[in-house]
Amino acid sequence: MKLTPIAVAITVVALSLSAHAEDMPCKMDSMEGMQMKQDMPCMKMGDMEGMQKKQETKQAPVASAEGTIKAMDTAKHTVTLAHGAVPAVQWPPMTMAFSVTQDQLKGLKVGDHVSFSFQLEGGRATIVSIKK
């Protein structure tokens, strides 16, 4: 098999070229009139006083489902729900605990059938709304 040494050599060359790409000079004297819509790492604008790159904040999507309350733990601020499939987050039917506020649990009890919506953030499912 002579392909393996050739593939390794090509990979090494490609990696070494990409490693030095940041050190290459950025010549822009002939770029007058060009639109600059993409990031340009060679321009080193991170230290320009008063200039801050706009941070995009992505809010976690909200998914909805129906289920039955199996347990409520006011000390841990969780409600355990046996719910159907949730296509929006590609979940099969299951029983799991969701983070919830004390106010959201008012008027609810174990065994209630509920409609609820939730957000997934950082591996945690948090109830946005829940009602009978």
Protein backbone atom coordinates (compact mmCIF):
# COMPACT_ATOMS: atom_id res chain seq x y z
CA MET A 1 0.00 0.00 0.00
CA LYS A 2 1.82 3.09 -1.22
CA LEU A 3 -1.23 5.32 -0.76
CA THR A 4 -0.83 5.57 3.01
CA PRO A 5 2.59 7.35 2.97
CA ILE A 6 1.34 9.65 0.20
CA ALA A 7 -1.83 10.50 2.13
CA VAL A 8 0.23 11.21 5.26
CA ALA A 9 2.60 13.47 3.31
CA ILE A 10 -0.28 15.43 1.76
CA THR A 11 -1.91 15.85 5.18
CA VAL A 12 1.34 17.10 6.75
CA VAL A 13 1.87 19.64 3.96
CA ALA A 14 -1.73 20.87 4.14
CA LEU A 15 -1.59 21.28 7.92
CA SER A 16 1.74 23.10 7.84
CA LEU A 17 0.48 25.54 5.19
CA SER A 18 -2.69 26.31 7.13
CA ALA A 19 -0.70 26.80 10.33
CA HIS A 20 1.35 29.59 8.71
CA ALA A 21 -1.54 31.30 6.93
CA GLU A 22 -2.15 33.67 9.86
CA ASP A 23 1.48 34.86 9.77
CA MET A 24 1.28 35.86 6.10
CA PRO A 25 1.20 39.58 5.36
CA CYS A 26 -2.10 41.14 4.43
CA LYS A 27 -1.68 43.49 1.46
CA MET A 28 -4.62 45.80 0.99
CA ASP A 29 -3.18 48.76 -0.90
CA SER A 30 -4.88 47.66 -4.14
CA MET A 31 -8.28 46.88 -2.60
CA GLU A 32 -9.81 50.35 -2.95
CA GLY A 33 -13.56 50.24 -3.61
CA MET A 34 -13.97 46.63 -2.47
CA GLN A 35 -16.74 45.83 -0.03
CA MET A 36 -15.47 44.34 3.22
CA LYS A 37 -18.41 42.30 4.53
CA GLN A 38 -16.56 39.34 6.04
CA ASP A 39 -14.20 38.99 8.99
CA MET A 40 -10.64 39.98 8.14
CA PRO A 41 -8.30 38.51 10.78
CA CYS A 42 -5.24 40.15 9.25
CA MET A 43 -6.58 43.60 10.14
CA LYS A 44 -6.19 42.99 13.91
CA MET A 45 -9.08 45.25 14.94
CA GLY A 46 -9.57 43.67 18.36
CA ASP A 47 -7.53 46.35 20.13
CA MET A 48 -9.15 49.41 18.52
CA GLU A 49 -10.45 51.59 21.35
CA GLY A 50 -14.19 52.20 21.23
CA MET A 51 -14.77 49.49 18.64
CA GLN A 52 -16.66 46.44 19.83
CA LYS A 53 -17.81 43.55 17.71
CA LYS A 54 -21.56 43.09 18.04
CA GLN A 55 -22.33 39.96 20.02
CA GLU A 56 -25.17 37.92 18.61
CA THR A 57 -27.31 36.37 21.31
CA LYS A 58 -29.16 33.26 20.33
CA GLN A 59 -32.13 32.39 22.44
CA ALA A 60 -32.88 28.72 22.82
CA PRO A 61 -35.92 27.60 20.81
CA VAL A 62 -39.16 26.84 22.63
CA ALA A 63 -40.75 23.41 22.11
CA SER A 64 -44.24 22.30 23.15
CA ALA A 65 -45.67 18.98 24.30
CA GLU A 66 -48.40 17.34 26.35
CA GLY A 67 -47.89 15.03 29.26
CA THR A 68 -48.89 13.82 32.70
CA ILE A 69 -47.37 15.08 35.94
CA LYS A 70 -45.63 12.15 37.67
CA ALA A 71 -43.87 14.07 40.48
CA MET A 72 -43.35 17.59 41.79
CA ASP A 73 -40.34 18.63 43.89
CA THR A 74 -40.73 22.18 45.19
CA ALA A 75 -37.36 22.05 47.00
CA LYS A 76 -35.49 21.24 43.78
CA HIS A 77 -37.82 23.33 41.57
CA THR A 78 -38.57 20.41 39.26
CA VAL A 79 -41.63 18.74 37.81
CA THR A 80 -41.40 15.23 36.36
CA LEU A 81 -43.53 14.74 33.26
CA ALA A 82 -44.34 11.65 31.19
CA HIS A 83 -44.68 13.26 27.77
CA GLY A 84 -45.28 12.23 24.20
CA ALA A 85 -42.83 12.65 21.33
CA VAL A 86 -41.45 16.16 20.82
CA PRO A 87 -40.50 16.44 17.11
CA ALA A 88 -39.11 19.99 17.52
CA VAL A 89 -36.19 18.62 19.56
CA GLN A 90 -36.26 15.08 18.12
CA TRP A 91 -37.29 13.46 21.42
CA PRO A 92 -39.22 10.20 21.68
CA PRO A 93 -41.89 9.79 24.37
CA MET A 94 -40.25 9.65 27.81
CA THR A 95 -40.51 10.57 31.48
CA MET A 96 -38.13 13.28 32.68
CA ALA A 97 -37.69 16.17 35.10
CA PHE A 98 -37.97 19.80 33.98
CA SER A 99 -36.86 22.92 35.87
CA VAL A 100 -39.89 24.94 36.96
CA THR A 101 -40.75 27.91 39.19
CA GLN A 102 -42.93 27.67 42.27
CA ASP A 103 -45.53 29.93 40.63
CA GLN A 104 -45.81 27.65 37.59
CA LEU A 105 -46.78 24.73 39.85
CA LYS A 106 -49.70 26.55 41.49
CA GLY A 107 -52.96 24.68 40.98
CA LEU A 108 -51.25 21.58 39.58
CA LYS A 109 -50.96 18.14 41.17
CA VAL A 110 -49.54 14.71 40.41
CA GLY A 111 -51.72 12.96 37.83
CA ASP A 112 -52.81 16.15 36.02
CA HIS A 113 -52.68 16.04 32.21
CA VAL A 114 -50.92 19.24 31.06
CA SER A 115 -49.85 21.14 27.97
CA PHE A 116 -46.45 22.74 28.38
CA SER A 117 -43.68 24.53 26.55
CA PHE A 118 -40.01 24.48 27.46
CA GLN A 119 -36.56 25.69 26.44
CA LEU A 120 -33.36 23.66 26.24
CA GLU A 121 -30.26 25.50 27.39
CA GLY A 122 -26.99 24.00 28.52
CA GLY A 123 -28.41 20.50 28.73
CA ARG A 124 -31.27 21.68 30.97
CA ALA A 125 -34.97 21.67 30.05
CA THR A 126 -36.82 24.60 31.65
CA ILE A 127 -40.60 25.02 31.63
CA VAL A 128 -41.71 28.27 29.97
CA SER A 129 -45.44 27.66 30.50
CA ILE A 130 -47.56 24.82 31.84
CA LYS A 131 -51.36 24.49 32.17
CA LYS A 132 -54.08 21.86 32.57
